[in-house]
Protein backbone atom coordinates (compact mmCIF):
# COMPACT_ATOMS: atom_id res chain seq x y z
CA UNK A 1 26.32 -28.28 67.12
CA UNK A 2 27.52 -26.18 70.04
CA UNK A 3 25.90 -26.49 73.50
CA UNK A 4 24.43 -23.00 73.01
CA UNK A 5 22.91 -24.14 69.72
CA UNK A 6 21.35 -27.20 71.33
CA UNK A 7 19.97 -25.09 74.16
CA UNK A 8 18.47 -22.56 71.75
CA UNK A 9 16.81 -25.26 69.66
CA UNK A 10 15.41 -27.05 72.71
CA UNK A 11 14.18 -23.78 74.23
CA UNK A 12 12.43 -22.84 70.99
CA UNK A 13 10.65 -26.20 70.83
CA UNK A 14 9.59 -25.83 74.47
CA UNK A 15 8.24 -22.31 74.02
CA UNK A 16 6.37 -23.33 70.86
CA UNK A 17 4.88 -26.34 72.67
CA UNK A 18 3.62 -24.05 75.44
CA UNK A 19 2.30 -21.15 73.33
CA UNK A 20 1.01 -22.69 70.11
CA UNK A 21 -1.88 -24.79 71.51
CA UNK A 22 -3.65 -21.91 73.33
CA UNK A 23 -3.06 -19.61 70.37
CA UNK A 24 -4.56 -22.21 68.03
CA UNK A 25 -7.56 -22.67 70.30
CA UNK A 26 -8.14 -18.93 70.43
CA UNK A 27 -7.89 -18.61 66.65
CA UNK A 28 -10.37 -21.46 66.20
CA UNK A 29 -12.80 -19.61 68.45
CA UNK A 30 -12.35 -16.43 66.38
CA UNK A 31 -13.17 -18.24 63.13
CA UNK A 32 -15.74 -20.68 64.50
CA UNK A 33 -18.15 -18.10 65.90
CA UNK A 34 -20.78 -19.36 68.31
CA UNK A 35 -24.40 -19.89 67.34
CA UNK A 36 -25.31 -16.33 68.30
CA UNK A 37 -22.53 -14.98 66.09
CA UNK A 38 -20.32 -13.89 68.98
CA UNK A 39 -16.59 -14.51 69.11
CA UNK A 40 -13.76 -13.97 71.60
CA UNK A 41 -12.89 -10.33 72.17
CA UNK A 42 -16.28 -8.97 71.12
CA UNK A 43 -16.30 -6.45 73.96
CA UNK A 44 -13.04 -4.90 72.73
CA UNK A 45 -12.98 -5.68 69.02
CA UNK A 46 -16.70 -5.85 68.26
CA UNK A 47 -17.19 -2.07 67.92
CA UNK A 48 -14.08 -1.81 65.72
CA UNK A 49 -15.27 -4.62 63.44
CA UNK A 50 -18.77 -3.15 63.16
CA UNK A 51 -17.36 0.27 62.30
CA UNK A 52 -15.30 -1.28 59.51
CA UNK A 53 -18.33 -3.20 58.22
CA UNK A 54 -20.38 0.00 58.19
CA UNK A 55 -17.73 2.11 56.46
CA UNK A 56 -17.04 -0.58 53.84
CA UNK A 57 -20.72 -1.51 53.52
CA UNK A 58 -20.10 -5.17 54.39
CA UNK A 59 -23.05 -7.41 55.21
CA UNK A 60 -21.28 -9.49 57.84
CA UNK A 61 -24.24 -11.85 58.26
CA UNK A 62 -24.22 -12.97 54.63
CA UNK A 63 -21.96 -15.85 53.63
CA UNK A 64 -20.45 -16.50 50.20
CA UNK A 65 -20.07 -19.46 47.87
CA UNK A 66 -16.53 -20.40 46.91
CA UNK A 67 -16.57 -18.47 43.63
CA UNK A 68 -17.83 -15.28 45.30
CA UNK A 69 -15.30 -15.76 48.09
CA UNK A 70 -12.57 -16.10 45.44
CA UNK A 71 -13.83 -13.04 43.56
CA UNK A 72 -13.72 -10.98 46.75
CA UNK A 73 -10.17 -12.18 47.43
CA UNK A 74 -9.05 -11.33 43.89
CA UNK A 75 -10.74 -7.92 43.95
CA UNK A 76 -9.13 -7.05 47.27
CA UNK A 77 -5.71 -8.15 46.01
CA UNK A 78 -6.08 -6.12 42.81
CA UNK A 79 -7.04 -2.93 44.66
CA UNK A 80 -4.16 -3.51 47.09
CA UNK A 81 -1.76 -3.86 44.16
CA UNK A 82 -2.92 -0.56 42.66
CA UNK A 83 -2.61 1.23 46.00
CA UNK A 84 0.94 0.01 46.70
CA UNK A 85 2.00 0.75 43.11
CA UNK A 86 0.60 4.30 43.25
CA UNK A 87 2.28 5.04 46.59
CA UNK A 88 5.67 4.02 45.22
CA UNK A 89 5.28 5.92 41.97
CA UNK A 90 4.42 9.16 43.82
CA UNK A 91 6.35 8.72 47.06
CA UNK A 92 8.62 11.68 46.26
CA UNK A 93 5.60 13.98 46.61
CA UNK A 94 4.09 12.28 49.68
CA UNK A 95 4.75 13.13 53.36
CA UNK A 96 7.09 11.33 55.78
CA UNK A 97 10.00 11.31 53.36
CA UNK A 98 12.89 12.59 55.49
CA UNK A 99 15.52 11.07 53.22
CA UNK A 100 14.00 12.67 50.09
CA UNK A 101 13.96 9.44 48.11
CA UNK A 102 12.69 9.64 44.53
CA UNK A 103 9.76 7.85 42.94
CA UNK A 104 10.28 4.15 42.25
CA UNK A 105 10.60 3.09 38.59
CA UNK A 106 7.57 1.43 36.92
CA UNK A 107 9.24 -2.01 36.72
CA UNK A 108 10.51 -1.81 40.27
CA UNK A 109 7.14 -0.63 41.60
CA UNK A 110 5.40 -3.49 39.76
CA UNK A 111 7.71 -6.05 41.32
CA UNK A 112 7.35 -4.65 44.84
CA UNK A 113 3.57 -4.32 44.57
CA UNK A 114 3.18 -7.91 43.41
CA UNK A 115 5.67 -9.05 46.04
CA UNK A 116 3.86 -7.53 49.01
CA UNK A 117 0.32 -8.25 47.80
CA UNK A 118 1.21 -11.92 47.34
CA UNK A 119 2.85 -12.05 50.80
CA UNK A 120 6.23 -12.73 49.18
CA UNK A 121 8.07 -9.55 50.20
CA UNK A 122 10.88 -10.15 47.75
CA UNK A 123 13.13 -7.08 47.77
CA UNK A 124 15.34 -6.15 44.84
CA UNK A 125 16.09 -2.82 46.57
CA UNK A 126 17.68 -1.44 49.74
CA UNK A 127 14.75 -0.36 51.87
CA UNK A 128 16.53 2.47 53.69
CA UNK A 129 17.72 3.95 50.37
CA UNK A 130 14.69 3.37 48.12
CA UNK A 131 11.52 3.67 50.20
CA UNK A 132 10.20 6.61 52.21
CA UNK A 133 8.76 6.17 55.69
CA UNK A 134 5.29 6.73 54.22
CA UNK A 135 5.79 3.91 51.70
CA UNK A 136 7.18 1.63 54.39
CA UNK A 137 4.25 2.27 56.75
CA UNK A 138 1.19 2.88 54.58
CA UNK A 139 2.21 0.82 51.58
CA UNK A 140 4.31 -2.11 52.77
CA UNK A 141 3.46 -2.63 56.45
CA UNK A 142 -0.27 -2.43 55.78
CA UNK A 143 0.15 -5.15 53.16
CA UNK A 144 2.07 -7.21 55.69
CA UNK A 145 -1.13 -7.31 57.72
CA UNK A 146 -3.79 -7.74 55.08
CA UNK A 147 -1.96 -10.12 52.71
CA UNK A 148 -1.30 -12.43 55.67
CA UNK A 149 -4.91 -12.05 56.81
CA UNK A 150 -6.16 -12.90 53.32
CA UNK A 151 -4.12 -16.13 53.27
CA UNK A 152 -5.43 -17.12 56.68
CA UNK A 153 -8.99 -16.37 55.57
CA UNK A 154 -8.65 -18.72 52.58
CA UNK A 155 -7.30 -21.48 54.84
CA UNK A 156 -10.32 -21.13 57.12
CA UNK A 157 -12.64 -21.23 54.10
CA UNK A 158 -11.06 -24.53 53.01
CA UNK A 159 -11.48 -25.91 56.55
CA UNK A 160 -15.17 -25.00 56.47
CA UNK A 161 -15.48 -26.84 53.18
CA UNK A 162 -14.10 -29.97 54.86
CA UNK A 163 -16.08 -29.59 58.10
CA UNK A 164 -19.52 -28.62 56.78
CA UNK A 165 -21.91 -30.94 54.98
CA UNK A 166 -24.70 -30.36 52.48
CA UNK A 167 -23.87 -26.65 52.46
CA UNK A 168 -23.15 -24.09 49.79
CA UNK A 169 -21.09 -21.38 51.48
CA UNK A 170 -17.56 -21.11 52.92
CA UNK A 171 -18.04 -18.01 55.07
CA UNK A 172 -17.57 -14.34 54.26
CA UNK A 173 -14.16 -13.24 53.00
CA UNK A 174 -14.52 -9.68 54.33
CA UNK A 175 -15.50 -10.85 57.80
CA UNK A 176 -12.63 -13.35 57.91
CA UNK A 177 -10.20 -10.67 56.69
CA UNK A 178 -11.32 -8.12 59.28
CA UNK A 179 -11.40 -10.54 62.21
CA UNK A 180 -7.99 -11.95 61.36
CA UNK A 181 -6.49 -8.47 61.28
CA UNK A 182 -8.17 -6.95 64.33
CA UNK A 183 -8.33 -9.96 66.66
CA UNK A 184 -5.17 -11.90 65.82
CA UNK A 185 -2.50 -10.02 63.88
CA UNK A 186 -2.82 -6.53 65.37
CA UNK A 187 -2.78 -7.57 69.06
CA UNK A 188 0.12 -9.98 68.58
CA UNK A 189 2.09 -7.43 66.56
CA UNK A 190 1.52 -4.69 69.13
CA UNK A 191 2.85 -6.83 71.98
CA UNK A 192 5.77 -8.12 69.94
CA UNK A 193 6.75 -4.63 68.75
CA UNK A 194 6.93 -3.44 72.36
CA UNK A 195 9.10 -6.43 73.21
CA UNK A 196 11.45 -5.71 70.31
CA UNK A 197 11.76 -2.05 71.31
CA UNK A 198 12.95 -3.13 74.77
CA UNK A 199 15.76 -5.06 73.04
CA UNK A 200 16.93 -2.09 70.99
CA UNK A 201 14.95 -2.31 67.74
CA UNK A 202 14.38 1.30 66.70
CA UNK A 203 10.94 2.90 66.28
CA UNK A 204 10.77 6.54 65.20
CA UNK A 205 9.97 8.80 62.27
CA UNK A 206 13.43 10.33 62.06
CA UNK A 207 15.63 10.67 59.06
CA UNK A 208 19.32 9.75 59.24
CA UNK A 209 21.32 10.97 62.22
CA UNK A 210 24.85 12.24 61.59
CA UNK A 211 27.47 10.86 63.94
CA UNK A 212 31.25 11.00 64.12
CA UNK A 213 32.85 7.53 64.14
CA UNK A 214 35.40 6.79 66.86
CA UNK A 215 37.84 5.76 64.14
CA UNK A 216 37.17 8.83 61.98
CA UNK A 217 40.86 9.69 61.72
CA UNK A 218 41.93 6.21 60.69
CA UNK A 219 39.13 5.81 58.16
CA UNK A 220 39.25 9.45 57.01
CA UNK A 221 35.47 9.54 57.46
CA UNK A 222 34.17 12.75 58.97
CA UNK A 223 30.56 11.68 59.67
CA UNK A 224 28.43 8.60 59.42
CA UNK A 225 24.72 8.63 58.57
CA UNK A 226 22.75 6.39 60.96
CA UNK A 227 19.27 5.61 59.57
CA UNK A 228 16.04 5.88 61.52
CA UNK A 229 12.46 4.85 60.93
CA UNK A 230 9.42 2.90 62.13
CA UNK A 231 11.25 -0.42 62.28
CA UNK A 232 9.88 -2.38 65.28
CA UNK A 233 6.29 -2.11 64.08
CA UNK A 234 7.24 -3.48 60.67
CA UNK A 235 9.50 -6.23 62.01
CA UNK A 236 6.74 -7.55 64.28
CA UNK A 237 4.21 -8.15 61.51
CA UNK A 238 6.80 -9.16 58.93
CA UNK A 239 7.62 -12.15 61.15
CA UNK A 240 4.15 -12.95 62.50
CA UNK A 241 2.57 -12.71 59.06
CA UNK A 242 5.21 -14.79 57.22
CA UNK A 243 6.13 -11.71 55.23
CA UNK A 244 9.87 -11.25 55.70
CA UNK A 245 10.51 -7.95 53.93
CA UNK A 246 12.94 -5.92 56.00
CA UNK A 247 13.13 -2.19 56.61
CA UNK A 248 16.87 -2.40 55.88
CA UNK A 249 18.72 -4.09 53.06
CA UNK A 250 20.50 -6.41 55.52
CA UNK A 251 17.09 -7.53 56.83
CA UNK A 252 17.22 -9.32 60.19
CA UNK A 253 21.02 -9.35 60.14
CA UNK A 254 20.87 -5.58 60.73
CA UNK A 255 21.37 -4.65 64.40
CA UNK A 256 18.52 -2.14 64.23
CA UNK A 257 16.12 -4.96 63.26
CA UNK A 258 17.62 -7.79 65.29
CA UNK A 259 20.08 -6.55 67.92
CA UNK A 260 20.82 -9.62 70.05
CA UNK A 261 20.09 -13.23 70.88
CA UNK A 262 16.84 -12.42 72.70
CA UNK A 263 15.37 -10.50 69.75
CA UNK A 264 16.59 -13.29 67.47
CA UNK A 265 14.75 -15.89 69.57
CA UNK A 266 11.55 -13.82 69.67
CA UNK A 267 11.56 -13.36 65.90
CA UNK A 268 12.12 -17.06 65.15
CA UNK A 269 9.21 -17.88 67.48
CA UNK A 270 7.04 -15.34 65.66
CA UNK A 271 7.90 -16.86 62.28
CA UNK A 272 6.66 -20.30 63.38
CA UNK A 273 3.85 -19.55 65.84
CA UNK A 274 0.85 -18.78 63.63
CA UNK A 275 1.51 -21.43 60.92
CA UNK A 276 1.69 -24.11 63.63
CA UNK A 277 -1.25 -22.65 65.55
CA UNK A 278 -3.43 -22.82 62.43
CA UNK A 279 -2.91 -26.58 62.36
CA UNK A 280 -4.15 -26.69 65.96
CA UNK A 281 -7.13 -24.54 64.97
CA UNK A 282 -7.91 -27.03 62.23
CA UNK A 283 -8.39 -29.77 64.81
CA UNK A 284 -10.91 -27.71 66.77
CA UNK A 285 -12.80 -26.54 63.67
CA UNK A 286 -13.24 -30.03 62.18
CA UNK A 287 -13.94 -31.59 65.58
CA UNK A 288 -10.97 -33.97 65.55
CA UNK A 289 -7.77 -32.94 67.29
CA UNK A 290 -6.15 -36.23 66.31
CA UNK A 291 -6.46 -35.25 62.65
CA UNK A 292 -4.65 -32.01 63.43
CA UNK A 293 -1.87 -33.83 65.28
CA UNK A 294 -1.16 -35.93 62.17
CA UNK A 295 -0.72 -32.87 59.95
CA UNK A 296 1.19 -31.04 62.67
CA UNK A 297 3.59 -33.98 63.02
CA UNK A 298 4.39 -33.89 59.30
CA UNK A 299 4.92 -30.12 59.35
CA UNK A 300 7.15 -30.16 62.42
CA UNK A 301 9.02 -33.26 61.25
CA UNK A 302 10.09 -31.66 57.97
CA UNK A 303 11.00 -28.39 59.69
CA UNK A 304 13.14 -30.09 62.34
CA UNK A 305 14.87 -32.31 59.76
CA UNK A 306 15.80 -29.50 57.38
CA UNK A 307 16.74 -27.10 60.19
CA UNK A 308 19.04 -29.62 61.84
CA UNK A 309 20.72 -30.41 58.51
CA UNK A 310 21.36 -26.71 57.85
CA UNK A 311 22.69 -26.18 61.36
CA UNK A 312 25.11 -29.11 61.17
CA UNK A 313 26.25 -28.23 57.63
CA UNK A 314 27.11 -24.69 58.70
CA UNK A 315 28.58 -25.74 62.05
CA UNK A 316 30.92 -28.23 60.38
CA UNK A 317 32.13 -25.53 58.03
CA UNK A 318 34.21 -25.56 54.86
CA UNK A 319 36.87 -28.25 54.37
CA UNK A 320 38.87 -25.87 52.16
CA UNK A 321 39.16 -23.49 55.09
CA UNK A 322 40.01 -26.34 57.47
CA UNK A 323 43.06 -27.15 55.35
CA UNK A 324 44.28 -23.56 55.79
CA UNK A 325 43.76 -23.48 59.54
CA UNK A 326 40.95 -20.90 59.42
CA UNK A 327 38.44 -23.06 61.32
CA UNK A 328 41.00 -23.83 63.99
CA UNK A 329 41.66 -20.12 64.44
CA UNK A 330 37.94 -19.47 64.73
CA UNK A 331 37.57 -22.26 67.28
CA UNK A 332 40.04 -20.57 69.59
CA UNK A 333 37.62 -17.63 69.58
CA UNK A 334 34.69 -19.99 70.32
CA UNK A 335 33.12 -19.22 66.95
CA UNK A 336 33.78 -22.25 64.75
CA UNK A 337 31.97 -23.44 61.65
CA UNK A 338 31.32 -21.52 58.47
CA UNK A 339 31.27 -17.88 59.59
CA UNK A 340 31.31 -16.31 56.13
CA UNK A 341 28.28 -14.05 55.70
CA UNK A 342 27.18 -14.46 59.33
CA UNK A 343 26.92 -12.11 62.28
CA UNK A 344 29.25 -12.84 65.19
CA UNK A 345 26.37 -12.30 67.62
CA UNK A 346 24.45 -15.22 66.06
CA UNK A 347 26.93 -17.68 64.54
CA UNK A 348 26.28 -20.78 62.40
CA UNK A 349 23.76 -22.48 64.71
CA UNK A 350 21.36 -19.54 65.02
CA UNK A 351 21.76 -18.87 61.29
CA UNK A 352 20.94 -22.45 60.31
CA UNK A 353 17.93 -22.52 62.64
CA UNK A 354 16.65 -19.23 61.20
CA UNK A 355 17.16 -20.50 57.65
CA UNK A 356 15.09 -23.59 58.41
CA UNK A 357 12.29 -21.48 59.88
CA UNK A 358 12.24 -18.75 57.24
CA UNK A 359 12.31 -21.02 54.17
CA UNK A 360 9.93 -23.52 55.74
CA UNK A 361 7.29 -20.88 56.40
CA UNK A 362 7.55 -18.71 53.25
CA UNK A 363 8.74 -15.94 55.55
CA UNK A 364 11.87 -14.93 53.66
CA UNK A 365 13.62 -12.83 56.29
CA UNK A 366 17.29 -13.68 56.90
CA UNK A 367 19.78 -13.13 59.71
CA UNK A 368 22.75 -14.16 57.55
CA UNK A 369 23.73 -14.40 53.88
CA UNK A 370 22.34 -17.61 52.36
CA UNK A 371 24.69 -17.25 49.40
CA UNK A 372 27.58 -17.77 51.83
CA UNK A 373 26.28 -21.13 53.04
CA UNK A 374 28.24 -24.26 52.29
CA UNK A 375 26.84 -26.11 49.25
CA UNK A 376 25.12 -28.67 51.50
CA UNK A 377 23.86 -25.98 53.85
CA UNK A 378 22.51 -23.87 50.99
CA UNK A 379 20.79 -26.86 49.41
CA UNK A 380 18.58 -27.33 52.47
CA UNK A 381 16.73 -23.97 52.44
CA UNK A 382 16.30 -24.32 48.68
CA UNK A 383 14.96 -27.87 48.89
CA UNK A 384 12.69 -26.94 51.79
CA UNK A 385 11.01 -24.29 49.66
CA UNK A 386 10.61 -26.83 46.88
CA UNK A 387 8.50 -29.02 49.17
CA UNK A 388 5.73 -26.51 48.54
CA UNK A 389 5.16 -24.57 51.76
CA UNK A 390 4.28 -27.39 54.13
CA UNK A 391 7.09 -27.33 56.69
CA UNK A 392 5.09 -25.70 58.29
CA UNK A 393 4.37 -23.23 55.48
CA UNK A 394 3.26 -19.62 55.67
CA UNK A 395 0.27 -18.29 57.57
CA UNK A 396 -2.74 -19.91 55.95
CA UNK A 397 -1.02 -21.26 52.86
CA UNK A 398 0.97 -23.79 54.90
CA UNK A 399 -2.18 -25.47 56.17
CA UNK A 400 -3.70 -25.27 52.68
CA UNK A 401 -0.65 -27.04 51.24
CA UNK A 402 -0.56 -29.89 53.76
CA UNK A 403 -4.32 -30.44 53.37
CA UNK A 404 -3.89 -30.86 49.61
CA UNK A 405 -1.16 -33.43 50.15
CA UNK A 406 -3.41 -35.15 52.69
CA UNK A 407 -6.20 -35.36 50.10
CA UNK A 408 -3.76 -36.77 47.55
CA UNK A 409 -2.42 -39.28 50.10
CA UNK A 410 -5.89 -40.51 51.04
CA UNK A 411 -6.78 -40.82 47.35
CA UNK A 412 -3.70 -43.00 46.78
CA UNK A 413 -4.53 -45.03 49.88
CA UNK A 414 -8.07 -45.54 48.62
CA UNK A 415 -6.77 -46.89 45.33
CA UNK A 416 -4.47 -49.23 47.23
CA UNK A 417 -7.28 -50.76 49.30
CA UNK A 418 -9.74 -50.76 46.41
CA UNK A 419 -12.46 -48.40 47.64
CA UNK A 420 -13.56 -44.81 47.18
CA UNK A 421 -11.18 -42.58 49.17
CA UNK A 422 -12.67 -40.66 52.10
CA UNK A 423 -11.31 -37.83 54.20
CA UNK A 424 -13.22 -36.91 57.35
CA UNK A 425 -16.28 -38.62 55.91
CA UNK A 426 -16.14 -36.82 52.56
CA UNK A 427 -15.62 -38.87 49.40
CA UNK A 428 -12.58 -37.69 47.45
CA UNK A 429 -13.34 -38.08 43.76
CA UNK A 430 -12.03 -37.04 40.36
CA UNK A 431 -13.22 -33.44 40.62
CA UNK A 432 -11.19 -32.82 43.78
CA UNK A 433 -8.14 -34.64 42.42
CA UNK A 434 -8.03 -32.50 39.28
CA UNK A 435 -7.98 -29.38 41.46
CA UNK A 436 -5.33 -30.88 43.75
CA UNK A 437 -3.12 -31.62 40.72
CA UNK A 438 -3.54 -28.04 39.48
CA UNK A 439 -2.51 -26.84 42.93
CA UNK A 440 0.60 -29.03 43.03
CA UNK A 441 1.96 -28.37 39.53
CA UNK A 442 1.54 -24.58 39.43
CA UNK A 443 4.59 -23.77 41.56
CA UNK A 444 7.03 -26.16 39.80
CA UNK A 445 5.97 -24.85 36.38
CA UNK A 446 6.73 -21.27 37.40
CA UNK A 447 9.98 -22.18 39.16
CA UNK A 448 11.53 -24.48 36.58
CA UNK A 449 10.11 -22.64 33.58
CA UNK A 450 11.57 -19.25 34.45
CA UNK A 451 14.81 -20.77 35.75
CA UNK A 452 15.32 -22.62 32.45
CA UNK A 453 14.64 -19.46 30.48
CA UNK A 454 17.05 -17.46 32.65
CA UNK A 455 20.03 -19.80 32.25
CA UNK A 456 19.44 -19.73 28.49
CA UNK A 457 19.90 -15.96 28.29
CA UNK A 458 23.44 -14.66 28.16
CA UNK A 459 22.36 -11.28 29.50
CA UNK A 460 21.08 -13.01 32.64
CA UNK A 461 23.89 -15.49 33.21
CA UNK A 462 26.48 -12.74 32.86
CA UNK A 463 25.22 -11.31 36.14
CA UNK A 464 25.81 -14.54 38.05
CA UNK A 465 28.61 -14.88 40.58
CA UNK A 466 30.07 -17.79 38.59
CA UNK A 467 29.26 -19.76 35.46
CA UNK A 468 29.07 -23.11 37.24
CA UNK A 469 26.91 -25.13 39.60
CA UNK A 470 26.75 -22.30 42.11
CA UNK A 471 25.46 -19.93 39.45
CA UNK A 472 22.66 -22.38 38.66
CA UNK A 473 21.93 -22.62 42.38
CA UNK A 474 21.50 -18.84 42.52
CA UNK A 475 18.95 -18.90 39.70
CA UNK A 476 17.07 -21.87 41.16
CA UNK A 477 16.95 -20.29 44.59
CA UNK A 478 15.68 -16.96 43.30
CA UNK A 479 12.75 -18.50 41.41
CA UNK A 480 12.05 -21.01 44.19
CA UNK A 481 11.73 -18.02 46.49
CA UNK A 482 9.44 -16.14 44.11
CA UNK A 483 7.20 -19.06 43.10
CA UNK A 484 6.76 -20.12 46.73
CA UNK A 485 6.05 -16.55 47.89
CA UNK A 486 9.05 -16.77 50.19
CA UNK A 487 11.18 -13.70 49.50
CA UNK A 488 14.60 -14.80 50.70
CA UNK A 489 17.53 -14.81 48.27
CA UNK A 490 21.06 -16.05 47.75
CA UNK A 491 21.61 -12.31 47.42
CA UNK A 492 24.44 -12.14 44.93
CA UNK A 493 22.86 -12.16 41.49
CA UNK A 494 21.57 -8.74 40.51
CA UNK A 495 17.78 -8.96 40.62
CA UNK A 496 16.99 -5.34 39.90
CA UNK A 497 17.04 -5.87 36.13
CA UNK A 498 13.91 -5.64 33.99
CA UNK A 499 14.08 -9.40 33.33
CA UNK A 500 14.14 -10.41 36.97
CA UNK A 501 11.66 -7.84 38.24
CA UNK A 502 9.16 -8.88 35.56
CA UNK A 503 9.57 -12.66 35.54
CA UNK A 504 9.79 -12.93 39.31
CA UNK A 505 6.67 -10.79 39.59
CA UNK A 506 4.84 -13.23 37.32
CA UNK A 507 6.19 -16.19 39.31
CA UNK A 508 4.89 -14.59 42.52
CA UNK A 509 1.43 -14.17 40.99
CA UNK A 510 1.38 -17.82 39.89
CA UNK A 511 2.59 -18.98 43.30
CA UNK A 512 -0.22 -17.07 45.02
CA UNK A 513 -3.31 -17.09 42.87
CA UNK A 514 -2.86 -20.31 40.90
CA UNK A 515 -2.77 -22.10 44.25
CA UNK A 516 -5.39 -20.23 46.24
CA UNK A 517 -8.12 -20.37 43.59
CA UNK A 518 -7.94 -24.19 43.22
CA UNK A 519 -7.88 -24.44 47.03
CA UNK A 520 -11.12 -22.48 47.30
CA UNK A 521 -12.60 -24.62 44.52
CA UNK A 522 -11.71 -27.75 46.51
CA UNK A 523 -13.47 -26.26 49.51
CA UNK A 524 -16.50 -25.43 47.37
CA UNK A 525 -16.64 -28.99 46.06
CA UNK A 526 -16.30 -30.63 49.48
CA UNK A 527 -18.75 -28.37 51.29
CA UNK A 528 -21.64 -29.68 49.16
CA UNK A 529 -21.01 -33.29 50.08
CA UNK A 530 -22.74 -35.34 52.74
CA UNK A 531 -20.56 -37.11 55.27
CA UNK A 532 -20.61 -40.88 55.03
CA UNK A 533 -20.17 -43.03 58.15
CA UNK A 534 -16.86 -44.76 58.67
CA UNK A 535 -16.76 -48.51 58.12
CA UNK A 536 -14.22 -51.27 58.65
CA UNK A 537 -12.88 -50.56 55.17
CA UNK A 538 -12.32 -46.84 55.77
CA UNK A 539 -8.66 -45.88 55.71
CA UNK A 540 -7.93 -44.05 59.00
CA UNK A 541 -6.41 -40.60 58.58
CA UNK A 542 -5.59 -39.92 62.22
CA UNK A 543 -2.78 -42.44 62.69
CA UNK A 544 1.03 -42.36 62.43
CA UNK A 545 0.71 -44.55 59.33
CA UNK A 546 -1.20 -41.83 57.52
CA UNK A 547 1.33 -39.21 58.67
CA UNK A 548 4.07 -41.34 57.12
CA UNK A 549 2.02 -41.68 53.93
CA UNK A 550 1.54 -37.90 53.65
CA UNK A 551 5.26 -37.32 54.24
CA UNK A 552 6.13 -39.96 51.65
CA UNK A 553 3.87 -38.37 49.04
CA UNK A 554 5.50 -34.98 49.66
CA UNK A 555 9.01 -36.40 49.31
CA UNK A 556 8.21 -38.39 46.17
CA UNK A 557 6.55 -35.50 44.35
CA UNK A 558 9.23 -32.98 45.32
CA UNK A 559 12.01 -35.45 44.55
CA UNK A 560 10.71 -36.39 41.11
CA UNK A 561 10.11 -32.74 40.26
CA UNK A 562 13.26 -31.04 41.54
CA UNK A 563 16.01 -33.61 42.08
CA UNK A 564 17.48 -33.24 38.54
CA UNK A 565 17.80 -29.48 39.03
CA UNK A 566 19.27 -29.89 42.52
CA UNK A 567 21.69 -32.51 41.21
CA UNK A 568 23.07 -30.01 38.68
CA UNK A 569 23.27 -27.22 41.27
CA UNK A 570 24.07 -27.59 44.97
CA UNK A 571 24.68 -31.36 44.90
CA UNK A 572 27.33 -31.09 42.17
CA UNK A 573 28.85 -28.11 43.96
CA UNK A 574 29.06 -30.08 47.21
CA UNK A 575 30.67 -33.11 45.56
CA UNK A 576 33.29 -31.07 43.71
CA UNK A 577 34.49 -28.98 46.66
């Protein structure tokens, strides 16, 4: 890795180490309201929250059992889906449509609505050509806020289930949703959007601007249409909320979304900040910061490992190009590595670091073409998604994922020492384990099931770049992205077909709701239990040994589930090139 790459990685770790702990402490205070019901920012945000409660007729003092909490989450998601779908289907008749784009097709609108409601933000379309400014702002950007807030609310409900004892309720979904939006996501997004604007990210309501290229004579092009739009405001929340859907088709590789190294650094920080801060919040909410450090160590460890592998794989480059002197020619320009599909202003190191962050957090934004990665480099983002959103995972869902693996690890440890497993004083029994298993198997079933069906259909495989290991990698990556609510893509295979828009939409629904509902059920089961005192036979869950056990469980489950598919895809491709 180049010295600049090392410096960037070290600087990112330093900034995260400085900013994440206070952010996590603040978020814990927002969710763990004091005895009088007050929370940080009441003087500023209190009147806004109360106005929302009054308009929406929310009883903010009444808490909900897990099934009511889940019903509220599902109802909100369903209404959000209908709203986004309707906006797309009628966008041609709605205001703020300076490019006069037409209504989106039913299949395309279904896919986009599911994508943004499930916090996936998969995009089969070019945003600047398909969506109006109204759709981008009112339909998609609003969902960037509330879908992220909903995931964070569910994570907090699960934490309450672990922390409380002899209780029945997990909080109030509507209160958690409102407070997350008004007190966390909106302030952070506002500040970040201003910062991005200073770096050149555009923010306006203009249509395309006609300009005459300097090489108009040579290219025989009279004018060039330069797009405009409310970009900075969408980019801020797409990164902070682990959304990832870009205003432009090129996503964060587009200079209007990500102009330079400073904006690139800010956006990578934003992708990682809230998922890591939620782990810190967990320590404050359960009253044990050592427990949080264990989970945080596993999250960060996986992220660093996969990011470094991607960086080195892309920095080393392609041996086939080395033999033709291409890498040597690039080195004389201080570029080096595999530069195919990458922006000169970022290079392989920044691209590999971004890939590790975006696939580890279910963010999905990209600053380079993942399909142009080397086979080994492309295998890493794919495998990281297959871990199941724990490195560090998306906002809310990342903490939910690592907690489920922690429950499974402590259950295995309990069997090994011959006593009933306990986690933070709560006995982990068959009821919880059944729900944990449902949580863990839902994503692989959607991923492998639809991928197997796709490679069996000639109409689907004919759209692949090649009928070999790389073609299989494209299919695997696309469904790994959908089932993990990630949204990134290898970006070659045509995904705008009826087959892909439908099956990926279903995979997104499975990856969201078939995981969140069992998670809330786990919280509902644990919240009713009394805490038992620790004894000499209690397996400690705040030690490096337990961190290693959790990491081992993750690797074993992911390896047994996905290694055969990876072996036929990127691993074979790497060994044969």
